[in-house]
Amino acid sequence: MRWEKLSPPLSRSPAGEAACIAAYDAALEALPYPHEARRVPTSWGAAHVVVCGRSGAPPLVVGHGLGAPSPWMVQMFDRYVD
């Protein structure tokens, strides 16, 4: 999934924003199970979601903020992904 221009930006500098995006992408790539990043339309705009686990399994929705991006949040819930 390609990153879109973020508003507001993640960092005060383009280099800082690039470093944040690289760290996020590396953490997402390191997840030990299949996953898919998606954009889901909402009434507030598009939401970025990471889908993990078996298709057809009961869903578990975990919300996060900039303080705990989704790759790290997903790892906190590893036991629920199978």
N, C-alpha and C. Protein backbone atom coordinates (compact mmCIF):
# COMPACT_ATOMS: atom_id res chain seq x y z
N MET A 1 0.85 -1.18 0.00
CA MET A 1 0.00 0.00 0.00
C MET A 1 0.89 1.23 0.00
N ARG A 2 0.64 2.12 -0.87
CA ARG A 2 1.44 3.34 -0.96
C ARG A 2 0.90 4.38 0.02
N TRP A 3 1.82 5.10 0.61
CA TRP A 3 1.44 6.17 1.53
C TRP A 3 0.93 7.37 0.75
N GLU A 4 -0.09 7.97 1.26
CA GLU A 4 -0.60 9.21 0.69
C GLU A 4 0.03 10.37 1.46
N LYS A 5 -0.06 11.54 0.91
CA LYS A 5 0.41 12.73 1.62
C LYS A 5 -0.44 12.87 2.87
N LEU A 6 0.20 12.90 4.03
CA LEU A 6 -0.52 12.96 5.30
C LEU A 6 -0.78 14.41 5.69
N SER A 7 -1.93 14.66 6.21
CA SER A 7 -2.28 16.00 6.66
C SER A 7 -2.99 15.87 8.00
N PRO A 8 -2.44 16.35 9.08
CA PRO A 8 -1.13 16.99 9.15
C PRO A 8 -0.01 15.96 9.01
N PRO A 9 1.20 16.42 8.67
CA PRO A 9 2.31 15.48 8.49
C PRO A 9 2.69 14.81 9.81
N LEU A 10 3.35 13.67 9.71
CA LEU A 10 3.79 12.93 10.90
C LEU A 10 4.94 13.63 11.62
N SER A 11 5.66 14.45 10.91
CA SER A 11 6.87 15.06 11.47
C SER A 11 6.98 16.50 10.98
N ARG A 12 7.88 17.23 11.60
CA ARG A 12 8.11 18.62 11.19
C ARG A 12 8.98 18.74 9.95
N SER A 13 9.64 17.65 9.58
CA SER A 13 10.52 17.71 8.41
C SER A 13 10.21 16.54 7.47
N PRO A 14 10.48 16.69 6.19
CA PRO A 14 10.29 15.57 5.27
C PRO A 14 11.14 14.36 5.64
N ALA A 15 12.35 14.59 6.12
CA ALA A 15 13.22 13.46 6.52
C ALA A 15 12.63 12.73 7.73
N GLY A 16 12.07 13.48 8.68
CA GLY A 16 11.44 12.85 9.84
C GLY A 16 10.22 12.06 9.46
N GLU A 17 9.41 12.61 8.55
CA GLU A 17 8.23 11.89 8.09
C GLU A 17 8.63 10.61 7.36
N ALA A 18 9.66 10.69 6.52
CA ALA A 18 10.14 9.50 5.80
C ALA A 18 10.63 8.44 6.78
N ALA A 19 11.30 8.86 7.86
CA ALA A 19 11.79 7.91 8.87
C ALA A 19 10.61 7.24 9.58
N CYS A 20 9.57 8.01 9.90
CA CYS A 20 8.38 7.44 10.55
C CYS A 20 7.71 6.41 9.65
N ILE A 21 7.55 6.76 8.39
CA ILE A 21 6.90 5.86 7.44
C ILE A 21 7.73 4.60 7.23
N ALA A 22 9.06 4.74 7.16
CA ALA A 22 9.94 3.57 7.00
C ALA A 22 9.84 2.64 8.21
N ALA A 23 9.81 3.21 9.41
CA ALA A 23 9.69 2.39 10.63
C ALA A 23 8.35 1.66 10.66
N TYR A 24 7.27 2.35 10.29
CA TYR A 24 5.95 1.74 10.24
C TYR A 24 5.93 0.59 9.24
N ASP A 25 6.44 0.85 8.03
CA ASP A 25 6.45 -0.19 6.99
C ASP A 25 7.27 -1.40 7.42
N ALA A 26 8.41 -1.17 8.08
CA ALA A 26 9.26 -2.28 8.55
C ALA A 26 8.54 -3.09 9.63
N ALA A 27 7.83 -2.42 10.53
CA ALA A 27 7.10 -3.13 11.58
C ALA A 27 5.96 -3.94 10.98
N LEU A 28 5.27 -3.38 10.00
CA LEU A 28 4.17 -4.10 9.35
C LEU A 28 4.71 -5.33 8.62
N GLU A 29 5.84 -5.16 7.93
CA GLU A 29 6.45 -6.28 7.19
C GLU A 29 6.93 -7.38 8.13
N ALA A 30 7.27 -7.04 9.36
CA ALA A 30 7.78 -8.02 10.33
C ALA A 30 6.68 -8.83 11.00
N LEU A 31 5.42 -8.49 10.77
CA LEU A 31 4.34 -9.28 11.39
C LEU A 31 4.48 -10.74 10.96
N PRO A 32 4.33 -11.68 11.90
CA PRO A 32 4.60 -13.09 11.62
C PRO A 32 3.45 -13.84 10.95
N TYR A 33 2.48 -13.16 10.42
CA TYR A 33 1.35 -13.81 9.78
C TYR A 33 0.89 -12.96 8.60
N PRO A 34 0.11 -13.57 7.72
CA PRO A 34 -0.38 -12.79 6.57
C PRO A 34 -1.24 -11.61 7.03
N HIS A 35 -1.12 -10.54 6.33
CA HIS A 35 -1.88 -9.33 6.65
C HIS A 35 -2.10 -8.54 5.37
N GLU A 36 -3.05 -7.65 5.44
CA GLU A 36 -3.37 -6.81 4.28
C GLU A 36 -3.74 -5.42 4.78
N ALA A 37 -3.15 -4.40 4.19
CA ALA A 37 -3.52 -3.02 4.51
C ALA A 37 -4.62 -2.60 3.55
N ARG A 38 -5.63 -1.93 4.09
CA ARG A 38 -6.75 -1.47 3.28
C ARG A 38 -7.13 -0.05 3.67
N ARG A 39 -7.80 0.62 2.77
CA ARG A 39 -8.46 1.90 3.04
C ARG A 39 -9.95 1.62 3.08
N VAL A 40 -10.59 2.01 4.17
CA VAL A 40 -12.02 1.79 4.34
C VAL A 40 -12.71 3.15 4.39
N PRO A 41 -13.66 3.39 3.49
CA PRO A 41 -14.35 4.68 3.52
C PRO A 41 -15.27 4.79 4.74
N THR A 42 -15.23 5.94 5.38
CA THR A 42 -16.12 6.22 6.51
C THR A 42 -16.73 7.60 6.29
N SER A 43 -17.67 7.97 7.12
CA SER A 43 -18.28 9.30 7.00
C SER A 43 -17.29 10.41 7.37
N TRP A 44 -16.17 10.06 8.01
CA TRP A 44 -15.13 11.03 8.40
C TRP A 44 -13.97 11.03 7.42
N GLY A 45 -14.03 10.21 6.38
CA GLY A 45 -12.93 10.08 5.43
C GLY A 45 -12.41 8.66 5.45
N ALA A 46 -11.38 8.39 4.66
CA ALA A 46 -10.84 7.03 4.56
C ALA A 46 -10.06 6.67 5.82
N ALA A 47 -10.26 5.46 6.29
CA ALA A 47 -9.52 4.94 7.44
C ALA A 47 -8.56 3.86 6.95
N HIS A 48 -7.34 3.90 7.46
CA HIS A 48 -6.35 2.88 7.14
C HIS A 48 -6.53 1.74 8.13
N VAL A 49 -6.73 0.52 7.65
CA VAL A 49 -6.88 -0.64 8.52
C VAL A 49 -5.91 -1.74 8.09
N VAL A 50 -5.53 -2.55 9.05
CA VAL A 50 -4.69 -3.73 8.78
C VAL A 50 -5.53 -4.94 9.13
N VAL A 51 -5.72 -5.83 8.17
CA VAL A 51 -6.55 -7.02 8.34
C VAL A 51 -5.61 -8.21 8.51
N CYS A 52 -5.81 -8.98 9.59
CA CYS A 52 -4.98 -10.16 9.88
C CYS A 52 -5.89 -11.32 10.25
N GLY A 53 -5.37 -12.52 10.15
CA GLY A 53 -6.10 -13.70 10.60
C GLY A 53 -6.86 -14.40 9.50
N ARG A 54 -7.53 -15.46 9.90
CA ARG A 54 -8.29 -16.30 8.96
C ARG A 54 -9.52 -15.58 8.44
N SER A 55 -9.77 -15.74 7.18
CA SER A 55 -11.01 -15.25 6.59
C SER A 55 -12.16 -16.06 7.19
N GLY A 56 -13.22 -15.42 7.58
CA GLY A 56 -14.36 -16.11 8.15
C GLY A 56 -14.32 -16.25 9.66
N ALA A 57 -13.18 -15.94 10.29
CA ALA A 57 -13.08 -16.00 11.76
C ALA A 57 -13.84 -14.81 12.34
N PRO A 58 -14.26 -14.90 13.60
CA PRO A 58 -14.94 -13.75 14.21
C PRO A 58 -14.02 -12.52 14.20
N PRO A 59 -14.55 -11.36 13.87
CA PRO A 59 -13.71 -10.16 13.80
C PRO A 59 -13.36 -9.62 15.19
N LEU A 60 -12.19 -9.04 15.28
CA LEU A 60 -11.77 -8.28 16.46
C LEU A 60 -11.26 -6.95 15.92
N VAL A 61 -11.87 -5.87 16.31
CA VAL A 61 -11.48 -4.55 15.84
C VAL A 61 -10.70 -3.87 16.96
N VAL A 62 -9.47 -3.44 16.63
CA VAL A 62 -8.60 -2.78 17.60
C VAL A 62 -8.30 -1.38 17.08
N GLY A 63 -8.63 -0.37 17.84
CA GLY A 63 -8.34 1.00 17.44
C GLY A 63 -6.99 1.44 17.99
N HIS A 64 -6.37 2.36 17.32
CA HIS A 64 -5.07 2.85 17.76
C HIS A 64 -4.96 4.32 17.42
N GLY A 65 -3.90 4.93 17.89
CA GLY A 65 -3.60 6.33 17.57
C GLY A 65 -2.15 6.45 17.17
N LEU A 66 -1.68 7.65 16.97
CA LEU A 66 -0.29 7.83 16.55
C LEU A 66 0.69 7.32 17.60
N GLY A 67 0.28 7.27 18.87
CA GLY A 67 1.17 6.78 19.92
C GLY A 67 1.39 5.28 19.86
N ALA A 68 0.54 4.56 19.19
CA ALA A 68 0.66 3.10 19.07
C ALA A 68 0.16 2.66 17.70
N PRO A 69 0.99 2.83 16.67
CA PRO A 69 0.54 2.47 15.32
C PRO A 69 0.15 1.00 15.20
N SER A 70 -0.63 0.69 14.18
CA SER A 70 -1.24 -0.63 14.04
C SER A 70 -0.28 -1.82 14.08
N PRO A 71 0.93 -1.78 13.49
CA PRO A 71 1.78 -2.98 13.59
C PRO A 71 2.08 -3.36 15.04
N TRP A 72 2.31 -2.37 15.89
CA TRP A 72 2.59 -2.66 17.28
C TRP A 72 1.32 -3.08 18.02
N MET A 73 0.20 -2.48 17.70
CA MET A 73 -1.05 -2.88 18.32
C MET A 73 -1.40 -4.33 17.95
N VAL A 74 -1.23 -4.68 16.68
CA VAL A 74 -1.54 -6.03 16.24
C VAL A 74 -0.67 -7.03 17.00
N GLN A 75 0.60 -6.73 17.19
CA GLN A 75 1.48 -7.65 17.91
C GLN A 75 1.01 -7.85 19.36
N MET A 76 0.38 -6.85 19.95
CA MET A 76 -0.13 -7.00 21.31
C MET A 76 -1.27 -8.02 21.37
N PHE A 77 -1.92 -8.25 20.23
CA PHE A 77 -3.06 -9.16 20.18
C PHE A 77 -2.76 -10.40 19.36
N ASP A 78 -1.48 -10.80 19.29
CA ASP A 78 -1.05 -11.97 18.51
C ASP A 78 -1.92 -13.20 18.75
N ARG A 79 -2.23 -13.47 20.00
CA ARG A 79 -2.94 -14.72 20.33
C ARG A 79 -4.33 -14.80 19.68
N TYR A 80 -4.87 -13.64 19.27
CA TYR A 80 -6.19 -13.63 18.66
C TYR A 80 -6.17 -13.75 17.14
N VAL A 81 -4.98 -13.69 16.54
CA VAL A 81 -4.88 -13.66 15.09
C VAL A 81 -5.12 -15.03 14.47
N ASP A 82 -4.73 -16.13 15.13
CA ASP A 82 -4.93 -17.45 14.51
C ASP A 82 -6.37 -17.58 14.21
